[in-house]
Amino acid sequence: MTPRLFMGLFLATVLCLPLAACGKKGPNQAPGPRDKITYPLVYPPD
């Protein structure tokens, strides 16, 4: 690999990687109000 190509790939990775996490804050949450959710949040043990 030429140094120019390596530097281009490095810069593209450094600039695009933070965009992959845009808008993601905290853990996943189920849609809708909490008191209306009908499925369990944790699977029961087998």
PDB file of N, CA and C in Angstrom:
ATOM      1  N   MET A   1       0.847  -1.189   0.000  1.00  0.00           N
ATOM      2  CA  MET A   1       0.000   0.000   0.000  1.00  0.00           C
ATOM      3  C   MET A   1       0.882   1.239   0.000  1.00  0.00           C
ATOM      4  N   THR A   2       0.485   2.153  -0.782  1.00  0.00           N
ATOM      5  CA  THR A   2       1.240   3.403  -0.780  1.00  0.00           C
ATOM      6  C   THR A   2       0.832   4.229   0.432  1.00  0.00           C
ATOM      7  N   PRO A   3       1.734   5.056   0.906  1.00  0.00           N
ATOM      8  CA  PRO A   3       1.400   5.881   2.079  1.00  0.00           C
ATOM      9  C   PRO A   3       0.196   6.790   1.848  1.00  0.00           C
ATOM     10  N   ARG A   4       0.030   7.259   0.630  1.00  0.00           N
ATOM     11  CA  ARG A   4      -1.100   8.152   0.329  1.00  0.00           C
ATOM     12  C   ARG A   4      -2.427   7.399   0.436  1.00  0.00           C
ATOM     13  N   LEU A   5      -2.469   6.175  -0.081  1.00  0.00           N
ATOM     14  CA  LEU A   5      -3.684   5.363  -0.002  1.00  0.00           C
ATOM     15  C   LEU A   5      -3.989   4.994   1.449  1.00  0.00           C
ATOM     16  N   PHE A   6      -2.954   4.623   2.178  1.00  0.00           N
ATOM     17  CA  PHE A   6      -3.130   4.292   3.592  1.00  0.00           C
ATOM     18  C   PHE A   6      -3.670   5.488   4.365  1.00  0.00           C
ATOM     19  N   MET A   7      -3.129   6.665   4.120  1.00  0.00           N
ATOM     20  CA  MET A   7      -3.584   7.867   4.819  1.00  0.00           C
ATOM     21  C   MET A   7      -5.025   8.189   4.432  1.00  0.00           C
ATOM     22  N   GLY A   8      -5.394   7.991   3.180  1.00  0.00           N
ATOM     23  CA  GLY A   8      -6.767   8.230   2.744  1.00  0.00           C
ATOM     24  C   GLY A   8      -7.746   7.294   3.432  1.00  0.00           C
ATOM     25  N   LEU A   9      -7.401   6.022   3.520  1.00  0.00           N
ATOM     26  CA  LEU A   9      -8.263   5.054   4.204  1.00  0.00           C
ATOM     27  C   LEU A   9      -8.363   5.368   5.695  1.00  0.00           C
ATOM     28  N   PHE A  10      -7.254   5.755   6.283  1.00  0.00           N
ATOM     29  CA  PHE A  10      -7.251   6.106   7.700  1.00  0.00           C
ATOM     30  C   PHE A  10      -8.146   7.312   7.962  1.00  0.00           C
ATOM     31  N   LEU A  11      -8.020   8.344   7.158  1.00  0.00           N
ATOM     32  CA  LEU A  11      -8.840   9.543   7.348  1.00  0.00           C
ATOM     33  C   LEU A  11     -10.322   9.249   7.118  1.00  0.00           C
ATOM     34  N   ALA A  12     -10.632   8.440   6.108  1.00  0.00           N
ATOM     35  CA  ALA A  12     -12.029   8.094   5.846  1.00  0.00           C
ATOM     36  C   ALA A  12     -12.621   7.326   7.029  1.00  0.00           C
ATOM     37  N   THR A  13     -11.840   6.426   7.601  1.00  0.00           N
ATOM     38  CA  THR A  13     -12.313   5.664   8.756  1.00  0.00           C
ATOM     39  C   THR A  13     -12.519   6.570   9.962  1.00  0.00           C
ATOM     40  N   VAL A  14     -11.554   7.437  10.219  1.00  0.00           N
ATOM     41  CA  VAL A  14     -11.632   8.326  11.385  1.00  0.00           C
ATOM     42  C   VAL A  14     -12.790   9.305  11.247  1.00  0.00           C
ATOM     43  N   LEU A  15     -13.070   9.764  10.045  1.00  0.00           N
ATOM     44  CA  LEU A  15     -14.141  10.735   9.848  1.00  0.00           C
ATOM     45  C   LEU A  15     -15.521  10.092   9.814  1.00  0.00           C
ATOM     46  N   CYS A  16     -15.630   8.864   9.324  1.00  0.00           N
ATOM     47  CA  CYS A  16     -16.945   8.228   9.165  1.00  0.00           C
ATOM     48  C   CYS A  16     -17.368   7.395  10.367  1.00  0.00           C
ATOM     49  N   LEU A  17     -16.433   6.907  11.150  1.00  0.00           N
ATOM     50  CA  LEU A  17     -16.781   6.057  12.285  1.00  0.00           C
ATOM     51  C   LEU A  17     -17.667   6.758  13.308  1.00  0.00           C
ATOM     52  N   PRO A  18     -17.406   7.999  13.680  1.00  0.00           N
ATOM     53  CA  PRO A  18     -18.308   8.657  14.639  1.00  0.00           C
ATOM     54  C   PRO A  18     -19.729   8.828  14.108  1.00  0.00           C
ATOM     55  N   LEU A  19     -19.901   8.907  12.808  1.00  0.00           N
ATOM     56  CA  LEU A  19     -21.238   9.071  12.242  1.00  0.00           C
ATOM     57  C   LEU A  19     -22.088   7.817  12.407  1.00  0.00           C
ATOM     58  N   ALA A  20     -21.451   6.672  12.587  1.00  0.00           N
ATOM     59  CA  ALA A  20     -22.196   5.423  12.746  1.00  0.00           C
ATOM     60  C   ALA A  20     -22.998   5.417  14.044  1.00  0.00           C
ATOM     61  N   ALA A  21     -22.596   6.213  15.012  1.00  0.00           N
ATOM     62  CA  ALA A  21     -23.281   6.241  16.304  1.00  0.00           C
ATOM     63  C   ALA A  21     -24.160   7.479  16.470  1.00  0.00           C
ATOM     64  N   CYS A  22     -24.419   8.194  15.402  1.00  0.00           N
ATOM     65  CA  CYS A  22     -25.221   9.417  15.507  1.00  0.00           C
ATOM     66  C   CYS A  22     -26.621   9.119  16.041  1.00  0.00           C
ATOM     67  N   GLY A  23     -27.053   9.856  17.018  1.00  0.00           N
ATOM     68  CA  GLY A  23     -28.404   9.744  17.537  1.00  0.00           C
ATOM     69  C   GLY A  23     -28.636   8.598  18.494  1.00  0.00           C
ATOM     70  N   LYS A  24     -27.642   7.780  18.745  1.00  0.00           N
ATOM     71  CA  LYS A  24     -27.827   6.640  19.645  1.00  0.00           C
ATOM     72  C   LYS A  24     -27.376   7.043  21.044  1.00  0.00           C
ATOM     73  N   LYS A  25     -28.323   7.087  21.965  1.00  0.00           N
ATOM     74  CA  LYS A  25     -28.010   7.458  23.343  1.00  0.00           C
ATOM     75  C   LYS A  25     -28.663   6.461  24.281  1.00  0.00           C
ATOM     76  N   GLY A  26     -27.903   5.890  25.154  1.00  0.00           N
ATOM     77  CA  GLY A  26     -28.445   4.993  26.167  1.00  0.00           C
ATOM     78  C   GLY A  26     -28.886   3.650  25.611  1.00  0.00           C
ATOM     79  N   PRO A  27     -29.492   2.818  26.460  1.00  0.00           N
ATOM     80  CA  PRO A  27     -29.937   1.489  26.038  1.00  0.00           C
ATOM     81  C   PRO A  27     -31.196   1.558  25.171  1.00  0.00           C
ATOM     82  N   ASN A  28     -31.460   0.476  24.465  1.00  0.00           N
ATOM     83  CA  ASN A  28     -32.669   0.405  23.644  1.00  0.00           C
ATOM     84  C   ASN A  28     -33.904   0.482  24.525  1.00  0.00           C
ATOM     85  N   GLN A  29     -34.946   1.141  24.016  1.00  0.00           N
ATOM     86  CA  GLN A  29     -36.198   1.242  24.754  1.00  0.00           C
ATOM     87  C   GLN A  29     -37.345   0.806  23.857  1.00  0.00           C
ATOM     88  N   ALA A  30     -38.304   0.154  24.454  1.00  0.00           N
ATOM     89  CA  ALA A  30     -39.472  -0.296  23.700  1.00  0.00           C
ATOM     90  C   ALA A  30     -40.318   0.909  23.297  1.00  0.00           C
ATOM     91  N   PRO A  31     -40.962   0.842  22.118  1.00  0.00           N
ATOM     92  CA  PRO A  31     -41.811   1.951  21.693  1.00  0.00           C
ATOM     93  C   PRO A  31     -43.094   2.019  22.512  1.00  0.00           C
ATOM     94  N   GLY A  32     -43.614   3.199  22.696  1.00  0.00           N
ATOM     95  CA  GLY A  32     -44.879   3.374  23.404  1.00  0.00           C
ATOM     96  C   GLY A  32     -44.698   3.600  24.891  1.00  0.00           C
ATOM     97  N   PRO A  33     -45.807   3.916  25.555  1.00  0.00           N
ATOM     98  CA  PRO A  33     -45.741   4.149  27.002  1.00  0.00           C
ATOM     99  C   PRO A  33     -45.446   2.862  27.766  1.00  0.00           C
ATOM    100  N   ARG A  34     -44.745   2.995  28.884  1.00  0.00           N
ATOM    101  CA  ARG A  34     -44.327   1.816  29.654  1.00  0.00           C
ATOM    102  C   ARG A  34     -45.503   1.009  30.186  1.00  0.00           C
ATOM    103  N   ASP A  35     -46.592   1.654  30.558  1.00  0.00           N
ATOM    104  CA  ASP A  35     -47.726   0.915  31.134  1.00  0.00           C
ATOM    105  C   ASP A  35     -48.556   0.191  30.080  1.00  0.00           C
ATOM    106  N   LYS A  36     -48.305   0.422  28.797  1.00  0.00           N
ATOM    107  CA  LYS A  36     -49.059  -0.236  27.730  1.00  0.00           C
ATOM    108  C   LYS A  36     -48.290  -1.391  27.084  1.00  0.00           C
ATOM    109  N   ILE A  37     -47.068  -1.646  27.513  1.00  0.00           N
ATOM    110  CA  ILE A  37     -46.267  -2.714  26.919  1.00  0.00           C
ATOM    111  C   ILE A  37     -46.809  -4.053  27.412  1.00  0.00           C
ATOM    112  N   THR A  38     -47.112  -4.966  26.472  1.00  0.00           N
ATOM    113  CA  THR A  38     -47.743  -6.239  26.846  1.00  0.00           C
ATOM    114  C   THR A  38     -46.772  -7.409  26.870  1.00  0.00           C
ATOM    115  N   TYR A  39     -45.594  -7.268  26.325  1.00  0.00           N
ATOM    116  CA  TYR A  39     -44.649  -8.374  26.327  1.00  0.00           C
ATOM    117  C   TYR A  39     -43.657  -8.178  27.477  1.00  0.00           C
ATOM    118  N   PRO A  40     -43.137  -9.274  28.036  1.00  0.00           N
ATOM    119  CA  PRO A  40     -42.202  -9.146  29.161  1.00  0.00           C
ATOM    120  C   PRO A  40     -40.862  -8.581  28.701  1.00  0.00           C
ATOM    121  N   LEU A  41     -40.213  -7.849  29.574  1.00  0.00           N
ATOM    122  CA  LEU A  41     -38.907  -7.291  29.246  1.00  0.00           C
ATOM    123  C   LEU A  41     -37.798  -8.324  29.405  1.00  0.00           C
ATOM    124  N   VAL A  42     -38.010  -9.340  30.240  1.00  0.00           N
ATOM    125  CA  VAL A  42     -37.011 -10.379  30.475  1.00  0.00           C
ATOM    126  C   VAL A  42     -37.660 -11.727  30.215  1.00  0.00           C
ATOM    127  N   TYR A  43     -36.961 -12.601  29.515  1.00  0.00           N
ATOM    128  CA  TYR A  43     -37.491 -13.936  29.255  1.00  0.00           C
ATOM    129  C   TYR A  43     -37.496 -14.749  30.544  1.00  0.00           C
ATOM    130  N   PRO A  44     -38.557 -15.531  30.781  1.00  0.00           N
ATOM    131  CA  PRO A  44     -38.575 -16.380  31.980  1.00  0.00           C
ATOM    132  C   PRO A  44     -37.560 -17.513  31.832  1.00  0.00           C
ATOM    133  N   PRO A  45     -37.024 -18.014  32.935  1.00  0.00           N
ATOM    134  CA  PRO A  45     -36.053 -19.122  32.840  1.00  0.00           C
ATOM    135  C   PRO A  45     -36.741 -20.398  32.357  1.00  0.00           C
ATOM    136  N   ASP A  46     -35.999 -21.209  31.648  1.00  0.00           N
ATOM    137  CA  ASP A  46     -36.551 -22.477  31.130  1.00  0.00           C
ATOM    138  C   ASP A  46     -36.683 -23.509  32.208  1.00  0.00           C
TER     139      ASP A  46
END
